[in-house]
Amino acid sequence: TQADADNAPVGQELDNMMYINNEPFEQIVYARVFNDAGCYSTTQLTLLLLNTSMPTQDALPYALCDDDTDGLQIFDLSTQEANVLGGLDAATHTVEWFSSLASAEAGTPAITTPNA
């Protein structure tokens, strides 16, 4: 509680930086920040647990014919957003495209023209 943070009772502090919330979906924890002189200030931090919807299955393959047999083709990735969303609402989810798993995990660089 705020009073616990202000009074710093022994045994009330969190001794592990990996904290598991004990109130579902939203919980407030308190921090006590102090300096070497013993001066301190307290603040609160709201922990929010958001419901993360994930596609329930992998996207189906996207195949095009190589009519000129050069091994290259323009894939309009924007036509595959519903496929990638796997039933998730496009109004509340955003699809971004990347050329590698490492780029997707880093969130950069995204393919800026998925339809060209």
PDB file of N, CA and C in Angstrom:
ATOM      1  N   THR A   1       0.848  -1.188   0.000  1.00  0.00           N
ATOM      2  CA  THR A   1       0.000   0.000   0.000  1.00  0.00           C
ATOM      3  C   THR A   1       0.887   1.244   0.000  1.00  0.00           C
ATOM      4  N   GLN A   2       0.267   2.395  -0.224  1.00  0.00           N
ATOM      5  CA  GLN A   2       1.014   3.654  -0.162  1.00  0.00           C
ATOM      6  C   GLN A   2       1.609   3.837   1.233  1.00  0.00           C
ATOM      7  N   ALA A   3       0.839   3.489   2.273  1.00  0.00           N
ATOM      8  CA  ALA A   3       1.342   3.612   3.648  1.00  0.00           C
ATOM      9  C   ALA A   3       2.542   2.700   3.866  1.00  0.00           C
ATOM     10  N   ASP A   4       2.508   1.486   3.317  1.00  0.00           N
ATOM     11  CA  ASP A   4       3.647   0.579   3.439  1.00  0.00           C
ATOM     12  C   ASP A   4       4.883   1.169   2.771  1.00  0.00           C
ATOM     13  N   ALA A   5       4.692   1.774   1.595  1.00  0.00           N
ATOM     14  CA  ALA A   5       5.829   2.390   0.906  1.00  0.00           C
ATOM     15  C   ALA A   5       6.373   3.563   1.715  1.00  0.00           C
ATOM     16  N   ASP A   6       5.490   4.344   2.317  1.00  0.00           N
ATOM     17  CA  ASP A   6       5.921   5.494   3.121  1.00  0.00           C
ATOM     18  C   ASP A   6       6.632   5.063   4.398  1.00  0.00           C
ATOM     19  N   ASN A   7       6.148   4.012   5.031  1.00  0.00           N
ATOM     20  CA  ASN A   7       6.696   3.574   6.315  1.00  0.00           C
ATOM     21  C   ASN A   7       7.739   2.475   6.187  1.00  0.00           C
ATOM     22  N   ALA A   8       7.825   1.847   5.022  1.00  0.00           N
ATOM     23  CA  ALA A   8       8.809   0.796   4.728  1.00  0.00           C
ATOM     24  C   ALA A   8       8.909  -0.261   5.814  1.00  0.00           C
ATOM     25  N   PRO A   9       7.805  -0.946   6.158  1.00  0.00           N
ATOM     26  CA  PRO A   9       7.901  -2.007   7.157  1.00  0.00           C
ATOM     27  C   PRO A   9       8.744  -3.170   6.631  1.00  0.00           C
ATOM     28  N   VAL A  10       9.537  -3.725   7.502  1.00  0.00           N
ATOM     29  CA  VAL A  10      10.393  -4.846   7.131  1.00  0.00           C
ATOM     30  C   VAL A  10       9.525  -6.015   6.679  1.00  0.00           C
ATOM     31  N   GLY A  11       9.914  -6.627   5.587  1.00  0.00           N
ATOM     32  CA  GLY A  11       9.193  -7.785   5.077  1.00  0.00           C
ATOM     33  C   GLY A  11       8.110  -7.455   4.071  1.00  0.00           C
ATOM     34  N   GLN A  12       7.788  -6.198   3.899  1.00  0.00           N
ATOM     35  CA  GLN A  12       6.760  -5.819   2.930  1.00  0.00           C
ATOM     36  C   GLN A  12       7.342  -5.513   1.551  1.00  0.00           C
ATOM     37  N   GLU A  13       8.650  -5.273   1.486  1.00  0.00           N
ATOM     38  CA  GLU A  13       9.246  -4.951   0.200  1.00  0.00           C
ATOM     39  C   GLU A  13       9.290  -6.197  -0.694  1.00  0.00           C
ATOM     40  N   LEU A  14       9.263  -5.952  -1.979  1.00  0.00           N
ATOM     41  CA  LEU A  14       9.371  -7.052  -2.936  1.00  0.00           C
ATOM     42  C   LEU A  14      10.843  -7.396  -3.073  1.00  0.00           C
ATOM     43  N   ASP A  15      11.206  -8.640  -2.808  1.00  0.00           N
ATOM     44  CA  ASP A  15      12.612  -9.016  -2.849  1.00  0.00           C
ATOM     45  C   ASP A  15      13.025  -9.628  -4.176  1.00  0.00           C
ATOM     46  N   ASN A  16      12.103  -9.719  -5.090  1.00  0.00           N
ATOM     47  CA  ASN A  16      12.397 -10.319  -6.382  1.00  0.00           C
ATOM     48  C   ASN A  16      11.831  -9.403  -7.456  1.00  0.00           C
ATOM     49  N   MET A  17      12.630  -9.048  -8.424  1.00  0.00           N
ATOM     50  CA  MET A  17      12.170  -8.140  -9.468  1.00  0.00           C
ATOM     51  C   MET A  17      11.170  -8.816 -10.411  1.00  0.00           C
ATOM     52  N   MET A  18      11.018 -10.106 -10.314  1.00  0.00           N
ATOM     53  CA  MET A  18      10.017 -10.832 -11.098  1.00  0.00           C
ATOM     54  C   MET A  18       8.772 -10.964 -10.230  1.00  0.00           C
ATOM     55  N   TYR A  19       7.866 -10.033 -10.368  1.00  0.00           N
ATOM     56  CA  TYR A  19       6.685  -9.962  -9.515  1.00  0.00           C
ATOM     57  C   TYR A  19       5.490 -10.569 -10.231  1.00  0.00           C
ATOM     58  N   ILE A  20       4.737 -11.403  -9.566  1.00  0.00           N
ATOM     59  CA  ILE A  20       3.509 -11.988 -10.114  1.00  0.00           C
ATOM     60  C   ILE A  20       2.334 -11.268  -9.474  1.00  0.00           C
ATOM     61  N   ASN A  21       1.522 -10.656 -10.322  1.00  0.00           N
ATOM     62  CA  ASN A  21       0.367  -9.924  -9.780  1.00  0.00           C
ATOM     63  C   ASN A  21      -0.565 -10.876  -9.044  1.00  0.00           C
ATOM     64  N   ASN A  22      -1.201 -10.379  -7.969  1.00  0.00           N
ATOM     65  CA  ASN A  22      -2.146 -11.202  -7.223  1.00  0.00           C
ATOM     66  C   ASN A  22      -3.563 -10.661  -7.308  1.00  0.00           C
ATOM     67  N   GLU A  23      -3.762  -9.625  -8.115  1.00  0.00           N
ATOM     68  CA  GLU A  23      -5.095  -9.118  -8.417  1.00  0.00           C
ATOM     69  C   GLU A  23      -5.271  -9.202  -9.929  1.00  0.00           C
ATOM     70  N   PRO A  24      -6.334  -9.832 -10.398  1.00  0.00           N
ATOM     71  CA  PRO A  24      -6.489 -10.027 -11.837  1.00  0.00           C
ATOM     72  C   PRO A  24      -6.622  -8.717 -12.609  1.00  0.00           C
ATOM     73  N   PHE A  25      -5.924  -8.661 -13.735  1.00  0.00           N
ATOM     74  CA  PHE A  25      -6.046  -7.630 -14.770  1.00  0.00           C
ATOM     75  C   PHE A  25      -5.509  -6.256 -14.406  1.00  0.00           C
ATOM     76  N   GLU A  26      -5.663  -5.776 -13.189  1.00  0.00           N
ATOM     77  CA  GLU A  26      -5.122  -4.464 -12.829  1.00  0.00           C
ATOM     78  C   GLU A  26      -4.751  -4.459 -11.354  1.00  0.00           C
ATOM     79  N   GLN A  27      -3.529  -3.998 -11.086  1.00  0.00           N
ATOM     80  CA  GLN A  27      -3.069  -3.938  -9.706  1.00  0.00           C
ATOM     81  C   GLN A  27      -2.113  -2.761  -9.562  1.00  0.00           C
ATOM     82  N   ILE A  28      -2.151  -2.119  -8.426  1.00  0.00           N
ATOM     83  CA  ILE A  28      -1.232  -1.024  -8.139  1.00  0.00           C
ATOM     84  C   ILE A  28      -0.165  -1.534  -7.179  1.00  0.00           C
ATOM     85  N   VAL A  29       1.102  -1.273  -7.520  1.00  0.00           N
ATOM     86  CA  VAL A  29       2.216  -1.532  -6.611  1.00  0.00           C
ATOM     87  C   VAL A  29       2.880  -0.184  -6.335  1.00  0.00           C
ATOM     88  N   TYR A  30       3.640  -0.119  -5.270  1.00  0.00           N
ATOM     89  CA  TYR A  30       4.232   1.146  -4.836  1.00  0.00           C
ATOM     90  C   TYR A  30       5.746   1.019  -4.793  1.00  0.00           C
ATOM     91  N   ALA A  31       6.413   2.088  -5.151  1.00  0.00           N
ATOM     92  CA  ALA A  31       7.877   2.116  -5.137  1.00  0.00           C
ATOM     93  C   ALA A  31       8.351   3.172  -4.153  1.00  0.00           C
ATOM     94  N   ARG A  32       9.413   2.844  -3.481  1.00  0.00           N
ATOM     95  CA  ARG A  32      10.062   3.799  -2.576  1.00  0.00           C
ATOM     96  C   ARG A  32      11.460   4.021  -3.149  1.00  0.00           C
ATOM     97  N   VAL A  33      11.735   5.244  -3.549  1.00  0.00           N
ATOM     98  CA  VAL A  33      13.018   5.601  -4.146  1.00  0.00           C
ATOM     99  C   VAL A  33      13.765   6.468  -3.141  1.00  0.00           C
ATOM    100  N   PHE A  34      14.993   6.041  -2.793  1.00  0.00           N
ATOM    101  CA  PHE A  34      15.734   6.800  -1.784  1.00  0.00           C
ATOM    102  C   PHE A  34      17.179   6.985  -2.218  1.00  0.00           C
ATOM    103  N   ASN A  35      17.823   7.975  -1.611  1.00  0.00           N
ATOM    104  CA  ASN A  35      19.227   8.256  -1.918  1.00  0.00           C
ATOM    105  C   ASN A  35      20.107   7.854  -0.742  1.00  0.00           C
ATOM    106  N   ASP A  36      21.424   8.078  -0.888  1.00  0.00           N
ATOM    107  CA  ASP A  36      22.383   7.681   0.155  1.00  0.00           C
ATOM    108  C   ASP A  36      22.169   8.415   1.471  1.00  0.00           C
ATOM    109  N   ALA A  37      21.558   9.589   1.433  1.00  0.00           N
ATOM    110  CA  ALA A  37      21.311  10.362   2.657  1.00  0.00           C
ATOM    111  C   ALA A  37      20.065   9.886   3.393  1.00  0.00           C
ATOM    112  N   GLY A  38      19.336   8.945   2.798  1.00  0.00           N
ATOM    113  CA  GLY A  38      18.133   8.427   3.437  1.00  0.00           C
ATOM    114  C   GLY A  38      16.865   9.161   3.070  1.00  0.00           C
ATOM    115  N   CYS A  39      16.977  10.181   2.228  1.00  0.00           N
ATOM    116  CA  CYS A  39      15.772  10.882   1.770  1.00  0.00           C
ATOM    117  C   CYS A  39      15.057   9.990   0.762  1.00  0.00           C
ATOM    118  N   TYR A  40      13.731  10.047   0.772  1.00  0.00           N
ATOM    119  CA  TYR A  40      12.999   9.172  -0.132  1.00  0.00           C
ATOM    120  C   TYR A  40      11.733   9.841  -0.637  1.00  0.00           C
ATOM    121  N   SER A  41      11.214   9.232  -1.676  1.00  0.00           N
ATOM    122  CA  SER A  41       9.924   9.610  -2.239  1.00  0.00           C
ATOM    123  C   SER A  41       9.234   8.318  -2.639  1.00  0.00           C
ATOM    124  N   THR A  42       7.917   8.330  -2.609  1.00  0.00           N
ATOM    125  CA  THR A  42       7.170   7.139  -3.022  1.00  0.00           C
ATOM    126  C   THR A  42       6.298   7.479  -4.221  1.00  0.00           C
ATOM    127  N   THR A  43       6.018   6.464  -4.994  1.00  0.00           N
ATOM    128  CA  THR A  43       5.145   6.612  -6.157  1.00  0.00           C
ATOM    129  C   THR A  43       4.430   5.296  -6.388  1.00  0.00           C
ATOM    130  N   GLN A  44       3.378   5.348  -7.163  1.00  0.00           N
ATOM    131  CA  GLN A  44       2.656   4.117  -7.474  1.00  0.00           C
ATOM    132  C   GLN A  44       2.827   3.777  -8.945  1.00  0.00           C
ATOM    133  N   LEU A  45       2.724   2.500  -9.243  1.00  0.00           N
ATOM    134  CA  LEU A  45       2.799   1.989 -10.601  1.00  0.00           C
ATOM    135  C   LEU A  45       1.611   1.065 -10.799  1.00  0.00           C
ATOM    136  N   THR A  46       0.828   1.329 -11.827  1.00  0.00           N
ATOM    137  CA  THR A  46      -0.317   0.475 -12.134  1.00  0.00           C
ATOM    138  C   THR A  46       0.126  -0.620 -13.092  1.00  0.00           C
ATOM    139  N   LEU A  47      -0.094  -1.858 -12.709  1.00  0.00           N
ATOM    140  CA  LEU A  47       0.190  -3.005 -13.562  1.00  0.00           C
ATOM    141  C   LEU A  47      -1.092  -3.374 -14.287  1.00  0.00           C
ATOM    142  N   LEU A  48      -1.035  -3.442 -15.603  1.00  0.00           N
ATOM    143  CA  LEU A  48      -2.199  -3.822 -16.404  1.00  0.00           C
ATOM    144  C   LEU A  48      -1.899  -5.119 -17.121  1.00  0.00           C
ATOM    145  N   LEU A  49      -2.793  -6.050 -17.031  1.00  0.00           N
ATOM    146  CA  LEU A  49      -2.677  -7.305 -17.757  1.00  0.00           C
ATOM    147  C   LEU A  49      -3.676  -7.241 -18.900  1.00  0.00           C
ATOM    148  N   LEU A  50      -3.159  -7.144 -20.113  1.00  0.00           N
ATOM    149  CA  LEU A  50      -4.013  -6.988 -21.281  1.00  0.00           C
ATOM    150  C   LEU A  50      -4.288  -8.339 -21.919  1.00  0.00           C
ATOM    151  N   ASN A  51      -5.480  -8.511 -22.390  1.00  0.00           N
ATOM    152  CA  ASN A  51      -5.853  -9.726 -23.094  1.00  0.00           C
ATOM    153  C   ASN A  51      -5.247  -9.662 -24.488  1.00  0.00           C
ATOM    154  N   THR A  52      -4.320 -10.546 -24.770  1.00  0.00           N
ATOM    155  CA  THR A  52      -3.666 -10.548 -26.073  1.00  0.00           C
ATOM    156  C   THR A  52      -4.233 -11.668 -26.924  1.00  0.00           C
ATOM    157  N   SER A  53      -4.987 -11.287 -27.897  1.00  0.00           N
ATOM    158  CA  SER A  53      -5.531 -12.267 -28.828  1.00  0.00           C
ATOM    159  C   SER A  53      -4.461 -12.630 -29.840  1.00  0.00           C
ATOM    160  N   MET A  54      -4.317 -13.887 -30.082  1.00  0.00           N
ATOM    161  CA  MET A  54      -3.341 -14.366 -31.050  1.00  0.00           C
ATOM    162  C   MET A  54      -4.061 -15.254 -32.054  1.00  0.00           C
ATOM    163  N   PRO A  55      -3.589 -15.257 -33.309  1.00  0.00           N
ATOM    164  CA  PRO A  55      -4.192 -16.182 -34.269  1.00  0.00           C
ATOM    165  C   PRO A  55      -4.089 -17.606 -33.740  1.00  0.00           C
ATOM    166  N   THR A  56      -5.108 -18.389 -33.977  1.00  0.00           N
ATOM    167  CA  THR A  56      -5.141 -19.748 -33.441  1.00  0.00           C
ATOM    168  C   THR A  56      -4.453 -20.758 -34.345  1.00  0.00           C
ATOM    169  N   GLN A  57      -4.064 -20.332 -35.537  1.00  0.00           N
ATOM    170  CA  GLN A  57      -3.388 -21.245 -36.452  1.00  0.00           C
ATOM    171  C   GLN A  57      -2.431 -20.460 -37.332  1.00  0.00           C
ATOM    172  N   ASP A  58      -1.473 -21.175 -37.927  1.00  0.00           N
ATOM    173  CA  ASP A  58      -0.557 -20.533 -38.863  1.00  0.00           C
ATOM    174  C   ASP A  58      -1.310 -20.130 -40.119  1.00  0.00           C
ATOM    175  N   ALA A  59      -0.832 -19.076 -40.759  1.00  0.00           N
ATOM    176  CA  ALA A  59      -1.438 -18.622 -42.012  1.00  0.00           C
ATOM    177  C   ALA A  59      -1.212 -19.666 -43.102  1.00  0.00           C
ATOM    178  N   LEU A  60      -2.151 -19.731 -44.014  1.00  0.00           N
ATOM    179  CA  LEU A  60      -2.020 -20.631 -45.158  1.00  0.00           C
ATOM    180  C   LEU A  60      -0.957 -20.093 -46.108  1.00  0.00           C
ATOM    181  N   PRO A  61      -0.265 -20.966 -46.852  1.00  0.00           N
ATOM    182  CA  PRO A  61       0.736 -20.489 -47.813  1.00  0.00           C
ATOM    183  C   PRO A  61       0.108 -19.589 -48.879  1.00  0.00           C
ATOM    184  N   TYR A  62       0.893 -18.665 -49.403  1.00  0.00           N
ATOM    185  CA  TYR A  62       0.476 -17.733 -50.450  1.00  0.00           C
ATOM    186  C   TYR A  62       1.307 -18.072 -51.679  1.00  0.00           C
ATOM    187  N   ALA A  63       0.681 -18.609 -52.715  1.00  0.00           N
ATOM    188  CA  ALA A  63       1.398 -19.071 -53.904  1.00  0.00           C
ATOM    189  C   ALA A  63       0.929 -18.330 -55.149  1.00  0.00           C
ATOM    190  N   LEU A  64       1.881 -18.004 -56.017  1.00  0.00           N
ATOM    191  CA  LEU A  64       1.601 -17.410 -57.326  1.00  0.00           C
ATOM    192  C   LEU A  64       2.358 -18.203 -58.383  1.00  0.00           C
ATOM    193  N   CYS A  65       1.888 -18.144 -59.606  1.00  0.00           N
ATOM    194  CA  CYS A  65       2.560 -18.829 -60.713  1.00  0.00           C
ATOM    195  C   CYS A  65       3.714 -17.979 -61.238  1.00  0.00           C
ATOM    196  N   ASP A  66       4.785 -18.643 -61.608  1.00  0.00           N
ATOM    197  CA  ASP A  66       5.955 -17.982 -62.195  1.00  0.00           C
ATOM    198  C   ASP A  66       5.860 -18.124 -63.710  1.00  0.00           C
ATOM    199  N   ASP A  67       5.004 -17.309 -64.326  1.00  0.00           N
ATOM    200  CA  ASP A  67       4.715 -17.434 -65.756  1.00  0.00           C
ATOM    201  C   ASP A  67       5.935 -17.222 -66.644  1.00  0.00           C
ATOM    202  N   ASP A  68       6.830 -16.336 -66.264  1.00  0.00           N
ATOM    203  CA  ASP A  68       7.996 -16.083 -67.116  1.00  0.00           C
ATOM    204  C   ASP A  68       9.226 -16.878 -66.673  1.00  0.00           C
ATOM    205  N   THR A  69       9.060 -17.762 -65.733  1.00  0.00           N
ATOM    206  CA  THR A  69      10.078 -18.693 -65.223  1.00  0.00           C
ATOM    207  C   THR A  69      11.401 -18.027 -64.824  1.00  0.00           C
ATOM    208  N   ASP A  70      11.318 -16.806 -64.290  1.00  0.00           N
ATOM    209  CA  ASP A  70      12.546 -16.145 -63.835  1.00  0.00           C
ATOM    210  C   ASP A  70      12.766 -16.296 -62.331  1.00  0.00           C
ATOM    211  N   GLY A  71      11.815 -16.956 -61.650  1.00  0.00           N
ATOM    212  CA  GLY A  71      11.942 -17.176 -60.215  1.00  0.00           C
ATOM    213  C   GLY A  71      11.536 -15.994 -59.364  1.00  0.00           C
ATOM    214  N   LEU A  72      11.005 -14.942 -59.991  1.00  0.00           N
ATOM    215  CA  LEU A  72      10.608 -13.740 -59.263  1.00  0.00           C
ATOM    216  C   LEU A  72       9.154 -13.411 -59.547  1.00  0.00           C
ATOM    217  N   GLN A  73       8.475 -12.820 -58.560  1.00  0.00           N
ATOM    218  CA  GLN A  73       7.070 -12.429 -58.729  1.00  0.00           C
ATOM    219  C   GLN A  73       6.755 -11.350 -57.700  1.00  0.00           C
ATOM    220  N   ILE A  74       5.817 -10.498 -58.006  1.00  0.00           N
ATOM    221  CA  ILE A  74       5.364  -9.488 -57.054  1.00  0.00           C
ATOM    222  C   ILE A  74       4.217 -10.083 -56.244  1.00  0.00           C
ATOM    223  N   PHE A  75       4.416 -10.178 -54.937  1.00  0.00           N
ATOM    224  CA  PHE A  75       3.394 -10.680 -54.027  1.00  0.00           C
ATOM    225  C   PHE A  75       2.748  -9.489 -53.331  1.00  0.00           C
ATOM    226  N   ASP A  76       1.455  -9.329 -53.460  1.00  0.00           N
ATOM    227  CA  ASP A  76       0.723  -8.263 -52.767  1.00  0.00           C
ATOM    228  C   ASP A  76       0.362  -8.782 -51.377  1.00  0.00           C
ATOM    229  N   LEU A  77       1.239  -8.522 -50.423  1.00  0.00           N
ATOM    230  CA  LEU A  77       1.058  -9.043 -49.067  1.00  0.00           C
ATOM    231  C   LEU A  77      -0.202  -8.512 -48.400  1.00  0.00           C
ATOM    232  N   SER A  78      -0.648  -7.316 -48.812  1.00  0.00           N
ATOM    233  CA  SER A  78      -1.844  -6.738 -48.189  1.00  0.00           C
ATOM    234  C   SER A  78      -3.086  -7.592 -48.430  1.00  0.00           C
ATOM    235  N   THR A  79      -3.071  -8.416 -49.471  1.00  0.00           N
ATOM    236  CA  THR A  79      -4.218  -9.301 -49.729  1.00  0.00           C
ATOM    237  C   THR A  79      -4.265 -10.470 -48.752  1.00  0.00           C
ATOM    238  N   GLN A  80      -3.220 -10.643 -47.959  1.00  0.00           N
ATOM    239  CA  GLN A  80      -3.130 -11.783 -47.044  1.00  0.00           C
ATOM    240  C   GLN A  80      -3.369 -11.414 -45.582  1.00  0.00           C
ATOM    241  N   GLU A  81      -3.778 -10.183 -45.326  1.00  0.00           N
ATOM    242  CA  GLU A  81      -3.958  -9.762 -43.935  1.00  0.00           C
ATOM    243  C   GLU A  81      -5.006 -10.592 -43.203  1.00  0.00           C
ATOM    244  N   ALA A  82      -6.136 -10.866 -43.833  1.00  0.00           N
ATOM    245  CA  ALA A  82      -7.170 -11.691 -43.186  1.00  0.00           C
ATOM    246  C   ALA A  82      -6.632 -13.090 -42.906  1.00  0.00           C
ATOM    247  N   ASN A  83      -5.847 -13.624 -43.823  1.00  0.00           N
ATOM    248  CA  ASN A  83      -5.237 -14.938 -43.659  1.00  0.00           C
ATOM    249  C   ASN A  83      -4.307 -14.941 -42.444  1.00  0.00           C
ATOM    250  N   VAL A  84      -3.493 -13.902 -42.311  1.00  0.00           N
ATOM    251  CA  VAL A  84      -2.540 -13.813 -41.199  1.00  0.00           C
ATOM    252  C   VAL A  84      -3.251 -13.557 -39.873  1.00  0.00           C
ATOM    253  N   LEU A  85      -4.305 -12.763 -39.907  1.00  0.00           N
ATOM    254  CA  LEU A  85      -5.042 -12.470 -38.670  1.00  0.00           C
ATOM    255  C   LEU A  85      -5.753 -13.700 -38.119  1.00  0.00           C
ATOM    256  N   GLY A  86      -6.037 -14.669 -38.954  1.00  0.00           N
ATOM    257  CA  GLY A  86      -6.628 -15.916 -38.474  1.00  0.00           C
ATOM    258  C   GLY A  86      -7.916 -15.737 -37.707  1.00  0.00           C
ATOM    259  N   GLY A  87      -8.776 -14.842 -38.160  1.00  0.00           N
ATOM    260  CA  GLY A  87     -10.060 -14.633 -37.503  1.00  0.00           C
ATOM    261  C   GLY A  87     -10.081 -13.482 -36.512  1.00  0.00           C
ATOM    262  N   LEU A  88      -8.936 -12.877 -36.227  1.00  0.00           N
ATOM    263  CA  LEU A  88      -8.912 -11.720 -35.335  1.00  0.00           C
ATOM    264  C   LEU A  88      -9.517 -10.513 -36.045  1.00  0.00           C
ATOM    265  N   ASP A  89     -10.052  -9.586 -35.289  1.00  0.00           N
ATOM    266  CA  ASP A  89     -10.705  -8.396 -35.827  1.00  0.00           C
ATOM    267  C   ASP A  89      -9.664  -7.424 -36.382  1.00  0.00           C
ATOM    268  N   ALA A  90      -9.736  -7.143 -37.681  1.00  0.00           N
ATOM    269  CA  ALA A  90      -8.790  -6.228 -38.327  1.00  0.00           C
ATOM    270  C   ALA A  90      -8.924  -4.804 -37.792  1.00  0.00           C
ATOM    271  N   ALA A  91     -10.063  -4.474 -37.208  1.00  0.00           N
ATOM    272  CA  ALA A  91     -10.261  -3.127 -36.665  1.00  0.00           C
ATOM    273  C   ALA A  91      -9.465  -2.903 -35.376  1.00  0.00           C
ATOM    274  N   THR A  92      -9.104  -3.977 -34.700  1.00  0.00           N
ATOM    275  CA  THR A  92      -8.382  -3.842 -33.432  1.00  0.00           C
ATOM    276  C   THR A  92      -6.974  -4.438 -33.474  1.00  0.00           C
ATOM    277  N   HIS A  93      -6.546  -4.902 -34.644  1.00  0.00           N
ATOM    278  CA  HIS A  93      -5.218  -5.488 -34.797  1.00  0.00           C
ATOM    279  C   HIS A  93      -4.540  -4.898 -36.031  1.00  0.00           C
ATOM    280  N   THR A  94      -3.235  -4.789 -35.992  1.00  0.00           N
ATOM    281  CA  THR A  94      -2.454  -4.257 -37.105  1.00  0.00           C
ATOM    282  C   THR A  94      -1.482  -5.323 -37.587  1.00  0.00           C
ATOM    283  N   VAL A  95      -1.386  -5.475 -38.895  1.00  0.00           N
ATOM    284  CA  VAL A  95      -0.435  -6.414 -39.486  1.00  0.00           C
ATOM    285  C   VAL A  95       0.719  -5.615 -40.075  1.00  0.00           C
ATOM    286  N   GLU A  96       1.937  -5.989 -39.727  1.00  0.00           N
ATOM    287  CA  GLU A  96       3.137  -5.431 -40.336  1.00  0.00           C
ATOM    288  C   GLU A  96       3.911  -6.585 -40.948  1.00  0.00           C
ATOM    289  N   TRP A  97       4.645  -6.301 -42.008  1.00  0.00           N
ATOM    290  CA  TRP A  97       5.372  -7.325 -42.752  1.00  0.00           C
ATOM    291  C   TRP A  97       6.871  -7.103 -42.631  1.00  0.00           C
ATOM    292  N   PHE A  98       7.620  -8.209 -42.530  1.00  0.00           N
ATOM    293  CA  PHE A  98       9.072  -8.156 -42.392  1.00  0.00           C
ATOM    294  C   PHE A  98       9.689  -9.237 -43.268  1.00  0.00           C
ATOM    295  N   SER A  99      10.916  -9.022 -43.681  1.00  0.00           N
ATOM    296  CA  SER A  99      11.571  -9.982 -44.572  1.00  0.00           C
ATOM    297  C   SER A  99      12.282 -11.108 -43.825  1.00  0.00           C
ATOM    298  N   SER A 100      12.376 -11.017 -42.494  1.00  0.00           N
ATOM    299  CA  SER A 100      13.012 -12.084 -41.722  1.00  0.00           C
ATOM    300  C   SER A 100      12.391 -12.161 -40.332  1.00  0.00           C
ATOM    301  N   LEU A 101      12.552 -13.308 -39.700  1.00  0.00           N
ATOM    302  CA  LEU A 101      12.064 -13.487 -38.331  1.00  0.00           C
ATOM    303  C   LEU A 101      12.776 -12.518 -37.388  1.00  0.00           C
ATOM    304  N   ALA A 102      14.082 -12.342 -37.577  1.00  0.00           N
ATOM    305  CA  ALA A 102      14.838 -11.426 -36.714  1.00  0.00           C
ATOM    306  C   ALA A 102      14.296 -10.003 -36.826  1.00  0.00           C
ATOM    307  N   SER A 103      13.976  -9.577 -38.036  1.00  0.00           N
ATOM    308  CA  SER A 103      13.409  -8.232 -38.222  1.00  0.00           C
ATOM    309  C   SER A 103      12.039  -8.131 -37.566  1.00  0.00           C
ATOM    310  N   ALA A 104      11.221  -9.173 -37.704  1.00  0.00           N
ATOM    311  CA  ALA A 104       9.886  -9.163 -37.098  1.00  0.00           C
ATOM    312  C   ALA A 104       9.985  -9.086 -35.578  1.00  0.00           C
ATOM    313  N   GLU A 105      10.902  -9.842 -34.991  1.00  0.00           N
ATOM    314  CA  GLU A 105      11.066  -9.815 -33.537  1.00  0.00           C
ATOM    315  C   GLU A 105      11.600  -8.467 -33.062  1.00  0.00           C
ATOM    316  N   ALA A 106      12.458  -7.832 -33.869  1.00  0.00           N
ATOM    317  CA  ALA A 106      12.996  -6.516 -33.519  1.00  0.00           C
ATOM    318  C   ALA A 106      12.005  -5.404 -33.840  1.00  0.00           C
ATOM    319  N   GLY A 107      11.039  -5.701 -34.703  1.00  0.00           N
ATOM    320  CA  GLY A 107      10.051  -4.700 -35.099  1.00  0.00           C
ATOM    321  C   GLY A 107      10.561  -3.718 -36.133  1.00  0.00           C
ATOM    322  N   THR A 108      11.700  -4.021 -36.730  1.00  0.00           N
ATOM    323  CA  THR A 108      12.273  -3.130 -37.743  1.00  0.00           C
ATOM    324  C   THR A 108      13.313  -3.878 -38.561  1.00  0.00           C
ATOM    325  N   PRO A 109      13.540  -3.597 -39.796  1.00  0.00           N
ATOM    326  CA  PRO A 109      12.765  -2.678 -40.624  1.00  0.00           C
ATOM    327  C   PRO A 109      11.558  -3.396 -41.234  1.00  0.00           C
ATOM    328  N   ALA A 110      10.432  -2.744 -41.198  1.00  0.00           N
ATOM    329  CA  ALA A 110       9.216  -3.300 -41.793  1.00  0.00           C
ATOM    330  C   ALA A 110       9.254  -3.112 -43.304  1.00  0.00           C
ATOM    331  N   ILE A 111       8.539  -3.973 -44.017  1.00  0.00           N
ATOM    332  CA  ILE A 111       8.355  -3.791 -45.458  1.00  0.00           C
ATOM    333  C   ILE A 111       7.366  -2.647 -45.612  1.00  0.00           C
ATOM    334  N   THR A 112       7.812  -1.552 -46.199  1.00  0.00           N
ATOM    335  CA  THR A 112       6.983  -0.340 -46.249  1.00  0.00           C
ATOM    336  C   THR A 112       5.963  -0.347 -47.376  1.00  0.00           C
ATOM    337  N   THR A 113       6.162  -1.187 -48.377  1.00  0.00           N
ATOM    338  CA  THR A 113       5.204  -1.264 -49.494  1.00  0.00           C
ATOM    339  C   THR A 113       4.782  -2.717 -49.697  1.00  0.00           C
ATOM    340  N   PRO A 114       3.933  -3.248 -48.809  1.00  0.00           N
ATOM    341  CA  PRO A 114       3.550  -4.658 -48.913  1.00  0.00           C
ATOM    342  C   PRO A 114       2.689  -4.969 -50.135  1.00  0.00           C
ATOM    343  N   ASN A 115       2.209  -3.955 -50.827  1.00  0.00           N
ATOM    344  CA  ASN A 115       1.363  -4.196 -51.999  1.00  0.00           C
ATOM    345  C   ASN A 115       2.091  -3.886 -53.297  1.00  0.00           C
ATOM    346  N   ALA A 116       3.412  -3.774 -53.258  1.00  0.00           N
ATOM    347  CA  ALA A 116       4.162  -3.483 -54.484  1.00  0.00           C
ATOM    348  C   ALA A 116       5.333  -4.435 -54.638  1.00  0.00           C
TER     349      ALA A 116
END
